Protein backbone atom coordinates (compact mmCIF):
# COMPACT_ATOMS: atom_id res chain seq x y z
CA MET A 1 4.46 -5.91 -7.35
CA SER A 2 5.05 -9.64 -7.28
CA GLU A 3 2.64 -12.07 -5.66
CA HIS A 4 5.33 -13.01 -3.16
CA THR A 5 5.71 -9.38 -2.09
CA LYS A 6 1.94 -9.00 -1.73
CA GLU A 7 1.80 -12.10 0.46
CA LEU A 8 4.67 -10.78 2.56
CA PHE A 9 2.88 -7.47 3.11
CA GLN A 10 -0.28 -9.31 4.10
CA LEU A 11 1.67 -11.32 6.67
CA VAL A 12 3.34 -8.22 8.06
CA ASP A 13 -0.04 -6.53 8.26
CA THR A 14 -1.19 -9.19 10.75
CA LEU A 15 1.57 -8.25 13.21
CA PRO A 16 1.21 -5.84 16.13
CA GLU A 17 2.30 -2.23 15.48
CA SER A 18 5.56 -2.62 17.42
CA GLU A 19 6.56 -5.56 15.24
CA LYS A 20 5.58 -3.70 12.06
CA LYS A 21 7.95 -0.90 13.05
CA LEU A 22 10.74 -3.43 13.56
CA ILE A 23 10.09 -4.99 10.14
CA ASP A 24 10.11 -1.50 8.59
CA GLU A 25 13.51 -0.72 10.13
CA ILE A 26 14.94 -4.04 8.96
CA ILE A 27 13.69 -3.49 5.39
CA GLN A 28 15.16 0.01 5.30
CA ARG A 29 18.54 -1.29 6.52
CA VAL A 30 18.58 -4.07 3.93
CA ILE A 31 17.72 -1.68 1.10
CA LEU A 32 20.35 0.84 2.16
CA ALA A 33 22.96 -1.92 2.44
CA TRP A 34 22.04 -3.20 -1.03
CA ASP A 35 21.90 0.23 -2.68
CA PRO A 36 23.05 3.07 -0.40
CA ASP A 37 22.64 5.80 -3.02
CA PHE A 38 19.49 4.38 -4.68
CA THR A 39 21.09 3.98 -8.11
CA LYS A 40 20.48 0.28 -8.77
CA LEU A 41 17.59 -0.69 -11.00
CA THR A 42 15.00 -3.31 -10.27
CA PRO A 43 14.53 -5.91 -13.02
CA GLU A 44 11.35 -4.11 -14.10
CA GLU A 45 13.12 -0.74 -14.24
CA ALA A 46 15.98 -2.28 -16.23
CA ASP A 47 13.48 -3.64 -18.78
CA ILE A 48 11.81 -0.23 -19.14
CA LEU A 49 15.18 1.49 -19.55
CA LYS A 50 16.33 -1.06 -22.15
CA LYS A 51 13.10 -0.64 -24.13
CA SER A 52 13.32 3.16 -24.05
CA GLU A 53 16.97 3.07 -25.18
CA GLN A 54 16.02 0.79 -28.08
CA GLU A 55 13.18 3.14 -29.05
CA ARG A 56 15.57 6.10 -29.02
CA GLU A 57 18.12 4.21 -31.13
CA ASN A 58 15.37 3.28 -33.62
CA GLY A 59 14.24 6.89 -33.85
CA ASP A 60 10.90 6.13 -32.16
CA VAL A 61 10.90 9.46 -30.34
CA PHE A 62 9.12 12.76 -30.74
CA THR A 63 9.74 16.33 -29.75
CA GLU A 64 7.81 18.38 -27.24
CA ASN A 65 6.40 20.45 -30.12
CA GLU A 66 4.79 17.35 -31.61
CA ILE A 67 2.61 16.83 -28.52
CA ASP A 68 -0.86 18.34 -28.41
CA TRP A 69 -0.89 19.66 -24.84
CA ASN A 70 -4.51 20.82 -25.05
């Protein structure tokens, strides 16, 4: 979580409950407008996906049988 987001949550936390509920509704509406089916990646998720795809292409993977589950 970015520092900006943390600061924003701290500010929201100082509001009365009724205002917190309003902020919650607004955030939900913005997120649904931006990504209605929750398929977009955040920059962090995109980086993780890119790294994992590169590892797979390089053969840096292992099978389930290679894991010691005990």
